[in-house]
Amino acid sequence: MRNAAPLVGAALGRFGGALRDLAPIIAVIVFFQVVVLQQPFPEVGRVLVGLACVVAGLAMFIQGLEMGLFPLGEAMAQAFARKGSLLALFAFAFGLGFGTTVAEPALIAVAAEAASVAAEAGFIPVDEAAQQDYALNLRMVVAVSVGAAIVLGVLRIIKGWPIHHFIISGYVLVTVMTAFAPDEIIGVAYDSGGVTTSTITVPLVTALGVGLAQSIRGRNPMVDGFGLIAFASLTPMIFVLLYGMVA
């Protein structure tokens, strides 16, 4: 019981923090539902149960990040740095970016919706197989782009190159490509840059960058360890625009 007390206290604190973080969203919904729309909540019981599940899920997710994903990502980055094999480090970086992006729920949802809209607009055949192929191809393009982005970000950390040179150049390239890309792919490309920075990708990629910067002499984790997410958000736009121009 004495050993369990700190765990219970930490869990209650985590749940309280999750509820505090969600409080502004809850307040906005309640205000507009009751004051502006002046309507009662439909199925209040289910709403309250769903809210409790959201709070519990958010609390457990954050706890899981701190206990598992962050330490794991940092430890693996430091181990690869000590190993001294750039090829192995780059392979790990690409695999991490590719694997986390393929499994990203937000990307799966956006790719499926894009395939459905493309079929309705007549850009692809209106059948399930064609939509699945379109969605899969889009996911693969984005996943490869994120893998390449993480490799580039790791190389930047190793070399100590300024991040703003890459980001400015990348967005200039996106602007130029937008002028030549088909209109139907531009919005999808821009959204692809946002959905890659979600629940699965961000924790592991951030831990990789921080762990690698901590392992290299002369690197500052605050200055050099962060920024990989910016690469993971930028390169999908470039790759999807290019995919639309070619395919």
C-alpha atoms as a PDB file:
ATOM      1  CA  MET A   1       0.000   0.000   0.000  1.00  0.00           C
ATOM      2  CA  ARG A   2       2.834   2.374   0.834  1.00  0.00           C
ATOM      3  CA  ASN A   3       4.464   1.716  -2.558  1.00  0.00           C
ATOM      4  CA  ALA A   4       1.152   2.185  -4.348  1.00  0.00           C
ATOM      5  CA  ALA A   5       0.464   5.607  -2.838  1.00  0.00           C
ATOM      6  CA  PRO A   6       2.892   7.522  -5.098  1.00  0.00           C
ATOM      7  CA  LEU A   7       1.467   5.791  -8.181  1.00  0.00           C
ATOM      8  CA  VAL A   8      -2.090   6.668  -7.170  1.00  0.00           C
ATOM      9  CA  GLY A   9      -1.066  10.256  -6.509  1.00  0.00           C
ATOM     10  CA  ALA A  10       0.667  10.504  -9.884  1.00  0.00           C
ATOM     11  CA  ALA A  11      -2.364   9.023 -11.652  1.00  0.00           C
ATOM     12  CA  LEU A  12      -4.748  11.463  -9.960  1.00  0.00           C
ATOM     13  CA  GLY A  13      -2.440  14.332 -10.840  1.00  0.00           C
ATOM     14  CA  ARG A  14      -2.316  13.203 -14.444  1.00  0.00           C
ATOM     15  CA  PHE A  15      -6.106  12.942 -14.646  1.00  0.00           C
ATOM     16  CA  GLY A  16      -6.445  16.384 -13.078  1.00  0.00           C
ATOM     17  CA  GLY A  17      -3.994  17.821 -15.601  1.00  0.00           C
ATOM     18  CA  ALA A  18      -5.879  16.238 -18.504  1.00  0.00           C
ATOM     19  CA  LEU A  19      -9.182  17.632 -17.216  1.00  0.00           C
ATOM     20  CA  ARG A  20      -7.604  21.083 -16.850  1.00  0.00           C
ATOM     21  CA  ASP A  21      -6.277  20.925 -20.420  1.00  0.00           C
ATOM     22  CA  LEU A  22      -9.691  19.962 -21.775  1.00  0.00           C
ATOM     23  CA  ALA A  23     -11.596  22.496 -19.672  1.00  0.00           C
ATOM     24  CA  PRO A  24     -11.455  25.338 -22.265  1.00  0.00           C
ATOM     25  CA  ILE A  25     -12.853  23.043 -24.975  1.00  0.00           C
ATOM     26  CA  ILE A  26     -15.625  21.861 -22.669  1.00  0.00           C
ATOM     27  CA  ALA A  27     -16.460  25.448 -21.678  1.00  0.00           C
ATOM     28  CA  VAL A  28     -16.730  26.546 -25.323  1.00  0.00           C
ATOM     29  CA  ILE A  29     -19.026  23.640 -26.224  1.00  0.00           C
ATOM     30  CA  VAL A  30     -21.263  24.177 -23.191  1.00  0.00           C
ATOM     31  CA  PHE A  31     -21.461  27.933 -23.814  1.00  0.00           C
ATOM     32  CA  PHE A  32     -22.511  27.662 -27.450  1.00  0.00           C
ATOM     33  CA  GLN A  33     -24.888  24.769 -26.833  1.00  0.00           C
ATOM     34  CA  VAL A  34     -26.681  26.372 -23.874  1.00  0.00           C
ATOM     35  CA  VAL A  35     -26.311  30.128 -24.445  1.00  0.00           C
ATOM     36  CA  VAL A  36     -26.094  30.554 -28.224  1.00  0.00           C
ATOM     37  CA  LEU A  37     -28.070  27.587 -29.567  1.00  0.00           C
ATOM     38  CA  GLN A  38     -30.217  27.403 -26.399  1.00  0.00           C
ATOM     39  CA  GLN A  39     -30.717  23.693 -26.758  1.00  0.00           C
ATOM     40  CA  PRO A  40     -30.241  20.865 -24.262  1.00  0.00           C
ATOM     41  CA  PHE A  41     -27.437  18.391 -24.773  1.00  0.00           C
ATOM     42  CA  PRO A  42     -28.624  15.287 -26.647  1.00  0.00           C
ATOM     43  CA  GLU A  43     -28.081  12.098 -24.637  1.00  0.00           C
ATOM     44  CA  VAL A  44     -26.318  13.763 -21.706  1.00  0.00           C
ATOM     45  CA  GLY A  45     -25.346  10.424 -20.184  1.00  0.00           C
ATOM     46  CA  ARG A  46     -23.456   9.286 -23.261  1.00  0.00           C
ATOM     47  CA  VAL A  47     -21.783  12.686 -23.569  1.00  0.00           C
ATOM     48  CA  LEU A  48     -20.544  12.510 -19.973  1.00  0.00           C
ATOM     49  CA  VAL A  49     -19.284   8.954 -20.430  1.00  0.00           C
ATOM     50  CA  GLY A  50     -17.521   9.962 -23.621  1.00  0.00           C
ATOM     51  CA  LEU A  51     -15.960  12.956 -21.888  1.00  0.00           C
ATOM     52  CA  ALA A  52     -14.688  10.739 -19.091  1.00  0.00           C
ATOM     53  CA  CYS A  53     -13.160   8.388 -21.680  1.00  0.00           C
ATOM     54  CA  VAL A  54     -11.434  11.310 -23.409  1.00  0.00           C
ATOM     55  CA  VAL A  55      -9.958  12.570 -20.129  1.00  0.00           C
ATOM     56  CA  ALA A  56      -8.802   9.081 -19.152  1.00  0.00           C
ATOM     57  CA  GLY A  57      -7.366   8.401 -22.605  1.00  0.00           C
ATOM     58  CA  LEU A  58      -5.469  11.685 -22.711  1.00  0.00           C
ATOM     59  CA  ALA A  59      -4.063  11.121 -19.221  1.00  0.00           C
ATOM     60  CA  MET A  60      -2.912   7.586 -20.025  1.00  0.00           C
ATOM     61  CA  PHE A  61      -1.495   8.661 -23.390  1.00  0.00           C
ATOM     62  CA  ILE A  62       0.664  11.379 -21.819  1.00  0.00           C
ATOM     63  CA  GLN A  63       1.760   9.009 -19.064  1.00  0.00           C
ATOM     64  CA  GLY A  64       2.687   6.418 -21.672  1.00  0.00           C
ATOM     65  CA  LEU A  65       4.768   8.937 -23.581  1.00  0.00           C
ATOM     66  CA  GLU A  66       6.741   9.881 -20.487  1.00  0.00           C
ATOM     67  CA  MET A  67       7.204   6.293 -19.319  1.00  0.00           C
ATOM     68  CA  GLY A  68       7.859   4.554 -22.630  1.00  0.00           C
ATOM     69  CA  LEU A  69       8.167   6.370 -25.934  1.00  0.00           C
ATOM     70  CA  PHE A  70      10.334   9.330 -24.947  1.00  0.00           C
ATOM     71  CA  PRO A  71      12.914   7.270 -22.996  1.00  0.00           C
ATOM     72  CA  LEU A  72      12.953   4.596 -25.708  1.00  0.00           C
ATOM     73  CA  GLY A  73      13.523   7.061 -28.533  1.00  0.00           C
ATOM     74  CA  GLU A  74      16.266   8.915 -26.672  1.00  0.00           C
ATOM     75  CA  ALA A  75      18.004   5.683 -25.631  1.00  0.00           C
ATOM     76  CA  MET A  76      18.017   4.324 -29.180  1.00  0.00           C
ATOM     77  CA  ALA A  77      19.333   7.587 -30.613  1.00  0.00           C
ATOM     78  CA  GLN A  78      22.148   7.650 -28.058  1.00  0.00           C
ATOM     79  CA  ALA A  79      22.970   4.000 -28.748  1.00  0.00           C
ATOM     80  CA  PHE A  80      23.229   4.620 -32.491  1.00  0.00           C
ATOM     81  CA  ALA A  81      25.403   7.674 -31.863  1.00  0.00           C
ATOM     82  CA  ARG A  82      27.769   5.615 -29.688  1.00  0.00           C
ATOM     83  CA  LYS A  83      27.829   2.862 -32.295  1.00  0.00           C
ATOM     84  CA  GLY A  84      29.257   5.376 -34.767  1.00  0.00           C
ATOM     85  CA  SER A  85      27.564   3.910 -37.855  1.00  0.00           C
ATOM     86  CA  LEU A  86      25.965   6.643 -39.950  1.00  0.00           C
ATOM     87  CA  LEU A  87      24.383   4.098 -42.280  1.00  0.00           C
ATOM     88  CA  ALA A  88      22.649   2.358 -39.381  1.00  0.00           C
ATOM     89  CA  LEU A  89      21.538   5.704 -37.914  1.00  0.00           C
ATOM     90  CA  PHE A  90      20.126   6.889 -41.238  1.00  0.00           C
ATOM     91  CA  ALA A  91      18.375   3.562 -41.787  1.00  0.00           C
ATOM     92  CA  PHE A  92      16.836   3.782 -38.325  1.00  0.00           C
ATOM     93  CA  ALA A  93      15.782   7.402 -38.920  1.00  0.00           C
ATOM     94  CA  PHE A  94      14.116   6.535 -42.235  1.00  0.00           C
ATOM     95  CA  GLY A  95      12.421   3.458 -40.795  1.00  0.00           C
ATOM     96  CA  LEU A  96      11.147   5.447 -37.819  1.00  0.00           C
ATOM     97  CA  GLY A  97       9.737   8.210 -40.003  1.00  0.00           C
ATOM     98  CA  PHE A  98       8.219   5.802 -42.503  1.00  0.00           C
ATOM     99  CA  GLY A  99       6.775   3.401 -39.931  1.00  0.00           C
ATOM    100  CA  THR A 100       5.201   5.992 -37.654  1.00  0.00           C
ATOM    101  CA  THR A 101       3.664   7.849 -40.602  1.00  0.00           C
ATOM    102  CA  VAL A 102       2.135   4.741 -42.169  1.00  0.00           C
ATOM    103  CA  ALA A 103       0.481   3.982 -38.828  1.00  0.00           C
ATOM    104  CA  GLU A 104      -0.691   7.570 -38.256  1.00  0.00           C
ATOM    105  CA  PRO A 105      -4.498   7.517 -37.799  1.00  0.00           C
ATOM    106  CA  ALA A 106      -4.902  11.082 -39.064  1.00  0.00           C
ATOM    107  CA  LEU A 107      -3.131  10.260 -42.332  1.00  0.00           C
ATOM    108  CA  ILE A 108      -5.222   7.128 -42.831  1.00  0.00           C
ATOM    109  CA  ALA A 109      -8.405   9.174 -42.389  1.00  0.00           C
ATOM    110  CA  VAL A 110      -7.291  11.988 -44.722  1.00  0.00           C
ATOM    111  CA  ALA A 111      -6.118   9.546 -47.417  1.00  0.00           C
ATOM    112  CA  ALA A 112      -9.417   7.663 -47.319  1.00  0.00           C
ATOM    113  CA  GLU A 113     -11.417  10.892 -47.517  1.00  0.00           C
ATOM    114  CA  ALA A 114      -9.266  12.175 -50.384  1.00  0.00           C
ATOM    115  CA  ALA A 115      -9.823   8.925 -52.292  1.00  0.00           C
ATOM    116  CA  SER A 116     -13.577   9.136 -51.754  1.00  0.00           C
ATOM    117  CA  VAL A 117     -13.751  12.737 -52.968  1.00  0.00           C
ATOM    118  CA  ALA A 118     -11.496  11.974 -55.942  1.00  0.00           C
ATOM    119  CA  ALA A 119     -13.856   9.189 -56.985  1.00  0.00           C
ATOM    120  CA  GLU A 120     -16.916  11.418 -56.659  1.00  0.00           C
ATOM    121  CA  ALA A 121     -15.188  14.104 -58.741  1.00  0.00           C
ATOM    122  CA  GLY A 122     -14.345  11.595 -61.482  1.00  0.00           C
ATOM    123  CA  PHE A 123     -10.558  11.729 -61.110  1.00  0.00           C
ATOM    124  CA  ILE A 124     -10.384   8.010 -60.357  1.00  0.00           C
ATOM    125  CA  PRO A 125     -12.830   5.165 -61.100  1.00  0.00           C
ATOM    126  CA  VAL A 126     -15.772   4.923 -58.734  1.00  0.00           C
ATOM    127  CA  ASP A 127     -14.996   1.540 -57.229  1.00  0.00           C
ATOM    128  CA  GLU A 128     -13.581   0.407 -53.925  1.00  0.00           C
ATOM    129  CA  ALA A 129     -10.359  -1.063 -55.339  1.00  0.00           C
ATOM    130  CA  ALA A 130      -9.418   2.178 -57.108  1.00  0.00           C
ATOM    131  CA  GLN A 131     -10.098   4.215 -53.970  1.00  0.00           C
ATOM    132  CA  GLN A 132      -8.015   1.860 -51.847  1.00  0.00           C
ATOM    133  CA  ASP A 133      -5.130   2.081 -54.315  1.00  0.00           C
ATOM    134  CA  TYR A 134      -5.345   5.877 -54.370  1.00  0.00           C
ATOM    135  CA  ALA A 135      -5.386   6.092 -50.577  1.00  0.00           C
ATOM    136  CA  LEU A 136      -2.526   3.595 -50.234  1.00  0.00           C
ATOM    137  CA  ASN A 137      -0.391   5.392 -52.815  1.00  0.00           C
ATOM    138  CA  LEU A 138      -0.975   8.701 -51.048  1.00  0.00           C
ATOM    139  CA  ARG A 139      -0.015   7.193 -47.700  1.00  0.00           C
ATOM    140  CA  MET A 140       3.136   5.641 -49.153  1.00  0.00           C
ATOM    141  CA  VAL A 141       4.211   8.933 -50.739  1.00  0.00           C
ATOM    142  CA  VAL A 142       3.731  10.785 -47.457  1.00  0.00           C
ATOM    143  CA  ALA A 143       5.469   8.038 -45.444  1.00  0.00           C
ATOM    144  CA  VAL A 144       8.504   8.019 -47.757  1.00  0.00           C
ATOM    145  CA  SER A 145       8.658  11.809 -47.575  1.00  0.00           C
ATOM    146  CA  VAL A 146       8.651  11.766 -43.772  1.00  0.00           C
ATOM    147  CA  GLY A 147      11.338   9.083 -43.728  1.00  0.00           C
ATOM    148  CA  ALA A 148      13.485  11.220 -46.015  1.00  0.00           C
ATOM    149  CA  ALA A 149      12.748  14.264 -43.848  1.00  0.00           C
ATOM    150  CA  ILE A 150      13.949  12.548 -40.678  1.00  0.00           C
ATOM    151  CA  VAL A 151      17.142  11.438 -42.413  1.00  0.00           C
ATOM    152  CA  LEU A 152      17.743  15.030 -43.536  1.00  0.00           C
ATOM    153  CA  GLY A 153      16.994  16.292 -40.022  1.00  0.00           C
ATOM    154  CA  VAL A 154      19.418  13.807 -38.474  1.00  0.00           C
ATOM    155  CA  LEU A 155      22.107  14.877 -40.944  1.00  0.00           C
ATOM    156  CA  ARG A 156      21.472  18.496 -39.986  1.00  0.00           C
ATOM    157  CA  ILE A 157      21.941  17.681 -36.299  1.00  0.00           C
ATOM    158  CA  ILE A 158      25.178  15.829 -36.994  1.00  0.00           C
ATOM    159  CA  LYS A 159      26.579  18.639 -39.153  1.00  0.00           C
ATOM    160  CA  GLY A 160      25.200  21.469 -37.045  1.00  0.00           C
ATOM    161  CA  TRP A 161      23.615  23.230 -40.021  1.00  0.00           C
ATOM    162  CA  PRO A 162      21.139  26.074 -39.276  1.00  0.00           C
ATOM    163  CA  ILE A 163      17.572  24.852 -39.527  1.00  0.00           C
ATOM    164  CA  HIS A 164      16.108  28.050 -40.941  1.00  0.00           C
ATOM    165  CA  HIS A 165      18.048  27.637 -44.202  1.00  0.00           C
ATOM    166  CA  PHE A 166      16.226  24.366 -44.862  1.00  0.00           C
ATOM    167  CA  ILE A 167      12.798  25.584 -43.768  1.00  0.00           C
ATOM    168  CA  ILE A 168      12.898  28.804 -45.799  1.00  0.00           C
ATOM    169  CA  SER A 169      14.189  26.988 -48.892  1.00  0.00           C
ATOM    170  CA  GLY A 170      11.555  24.287 -48.472  1.00  0.00           C
ATOM    171  CA  TYR A 171       8.620  26.676 -48.302  1.00  0.00           C
ATOM    172  CA  VAL A 172       9.948  28.641 -51.262  1.00  0.00           C
ATOM    173  CA  LEU A 173      10.000  25.354 -53.184  1.00  0.00           C
ATOM    174  CA  VAL A 174       6.442  24.558 -52.046  1.00  0.00           C
ATOM    175  CA  THR A 175       5.270  27.977 -53.251  1.00  0.00           C
ATOM    176  CA  VAL A 176       6.861  27.486 -56.656  1.00  0.00           C
ATOM    177  CA  MET A 177       5.523  23.943 -57.043  1.00  0.00           C
ATOM    178  CA  THR A 178       2.019  25.097 -56.099  1.00  0.00           C
ATOM    179  CA  ALA A 179       1.940  27.245 -59.235  1.00  0.00           C
ATOM    180  CA  PHE A 180       2.504  24.177 -61.437  1.00  0.00           C
ATOM    181  CA  ALA A 181       0.681  21.421 -59.522  1.00  0.00           C
ATOM    182  CA  PRO A 182      -2.873  20.356 -60.418  1.00  0.00           C
ATOM    183  CA  ASP A 183      -5.492  22.224 -58.391  1.00  0.00           C
ATOM    184  CA  GLU A 184      -6.987  18.948 -57.180  1.00  0.00           C
ATOM    185  CA  ILE A 185      -3.814  17.911 -55.333  1.00  0.00           C
ATOM    186  CA  ILE A 186      -2.811  21.222 -53.714  1.00  0.00           C
ATOM    187  CA  GLY A 187      -5.191  21.061 -50.766  1.00  0.00           C
ATOM    188  CA  VAL A 188      -4.418  17.384 -50.180  1.00  0.00           C
ATOM    189  CA  ALA A 189      -0.685  18.161 -50.226  1.00  0.00           C
ATOM    190  CA  TYR A 190      -1.033  20.950 -47.689  1.00  0.00           C
ATOM    191  CA  ASP A 191      -3.155  18.810 -45.385  1.00  0.00           C
ATOM    192  CA  SER A 192      -0.651  15.970 -45.704  1.00  0.00           C
ATOM    193  CA  GLY A 193       1.921  18.210 -44.064  1.00  0.00           C
ATOM    194  CA  GLY A 194      -0.311  18.643 -41.036  1.00  0.00           C
ATOM    195  CA  VAL A 195      -1.544  15.104 -40.447  1.00  0.00           C
ATOM    196  CA  THR A 196       1.982  13.700 -40.237  1.00  0.00           C
ATOM    197  CA  THR A 197       2.625  15.610 -37.009  1.00  0.00           C
ATOM    198  CA  SER A 198       0.159  13.773 -34.813  1.00  0.00           C
ATOM    199  CA  THR A 199      -0.022  11.325 -31.925  1.00  0.00           C
ATOM    200  CA  ILE A 200       2.400   8.632 -33.078  1.00  0.00           C
ATOM    201  CA  THR A 201       4.998  10.525 -35.091  1.00  0.00           C
ATOM    202  CA  VAL A 202       5.685  13.505 -32.825  1.00  0.00           C
ATOM    203  CA  PRO A 203       6.783  11.722 -29.619  1.00  0.00           C
ATOM    204  CA  LEU A 204       9.205   9.289 -31.248  1.00  0.00           C
ATOM    205  CA  VAL A 205      10.697  11.779 -33.700  1.00  0.00           C
ATOM    206  CA  THR A 206      11.155  14.409 -30.992  1.00  0.00           C
ATOM    207  CA  ALA A 207      12.825  11.872 -28.710  1.00  0.00           C
ATOM    208  CA  LEU A 208      15.144  10.862 -31.568  1.00  0.00           C
ATOM    209  CA  GLY A 209      16.267  14.431 -32.156  1.00  0.00           C
ATOM    210  CA  VAL A 210      16.802  15.267 -28.483  1.00  0.00           C
ATOM    211  CA  GLY A 211      18.596  11.997 -27.765  1.00  0.00           C
ATOM    212  CA  LEU A 212      20.892  12.429 -30.756  1.00  0.00           C
ATOM    213  CA  ALA A 213      21.743  16.035 -29.853  1.00  0.00           C
ATOM    214  CA  GLN A 214      22.562  14.960 -26.296  1.00  0.00           C
ATOM    215  CA  SER A 215      24.964  12.327 -27.616  1.00  0.00           C
ATOM    216  CA  ILE A 216      27.003  14.566 -29.928  1.00  0.00           C
ATOM    217  CA  ARG A 217      29.634  16.782 -28.377  1.00  0.00           C
ATOM    218  CA  GLY A 218      29.059  20.452 -29.070  1.00  0.00           C
ATOM    219  CA  ARG A 219      25.333  20.078 -29.748  1.00  0.00           C
ATOM    220  CA  ASN A 220      22.693  21.801 -27.628  1.00  0.00           C
ATOM    221  CA  PRO A 221      19.512  19.710 -27.247  1.00  0.00           C
ATOM    222  CA  MET A 222      17.381  22.863 -27.127  1.00  0.00           C
ATOM    223  CA  VAL A 223      18.959  24.353 -30.258  1.00  0.00           C
ATOM    224  CA  ASP A 224      19.804  21.248 -32.270  1.00  0.00           C
ATOM    225  CA  GLY A 225      17.502  18.573 -30.816  1.00  0.00           C
ATOM    226  CA  PHE A 226      14.239  20.097 -31.957  1.00  0.00           C
ATOM    227  CA  GLY A 227      13.175  20.856 -35.509  1.00  0.00           C
ATOM    228  CA  LEU A 228      12.672  17.365 -36.895  1.00  0.00           C
ATOM    229  CA  ILE A 229       8.910  17.828 -36.742  1.00  0.00           C
ATOM    230  CA  ALA A 230       9.228  20.867 -39.006  1.00  0.00           C
ATOM    231  CA  PHE A 231      10.963  18.679 -41.599  1.00  0.00           C
ATOM    232  CA  ALA A 232       8.271  16.016 -41.184  1.00  0.00           C
ATOM    233  CA  SER A 233       5.610  18.639 -41.831  1.00  0.00           C
ATOM    234  CA  LEU A 234       7.319  20.296 -44.794  1.00  0.00           C
ATOM    235  CA  THR A 235       8.506  17.429 -46.975  1.00  0.00           C
ATOM    236  CA  PRO A 236       5.095  15.719 -47.412  1.00  0.00           C
ATOM    237  CA  MET A 237       3.827  18.862 -49.128  1.00  0.00           C
ATOM    238  CA  ILE A 238       6.734  18.744 -51.568  1.00  0.00           C
ATOM    239  CA  PHE A 239       6.395  15.026 -52.254  1.00  0.00           C
ATOM    240  CA  VAL A 240       2.590  15.060 -52.681  1.00  0.00           C
ATOM    241  CA  LEU A 241       2.754  18.083 -54.986  1.00  0.00           C
ATOM    242  CA  LEU A 242       5.378  16.263 -57.045  1.00  0.00           C
ATOM    243  CA  TYR A 243       3.230  13.102 -56.993  1.00  0.00           C
ATOM    244  CA  GLY A 244       0.291  15.092 -58.320  1.00  0.00           C
ATOM    245  CA  MET A 245       2.383  16.675 -61.075  1.00  0.00           C
ATOM    246  CA  VAL A 246       3.788  13.320 -62.185  1.00  0.00           C
ATOM    247  CA  ALA A 247       0.851  10.979 -61.666  1.00  0.00           C
END
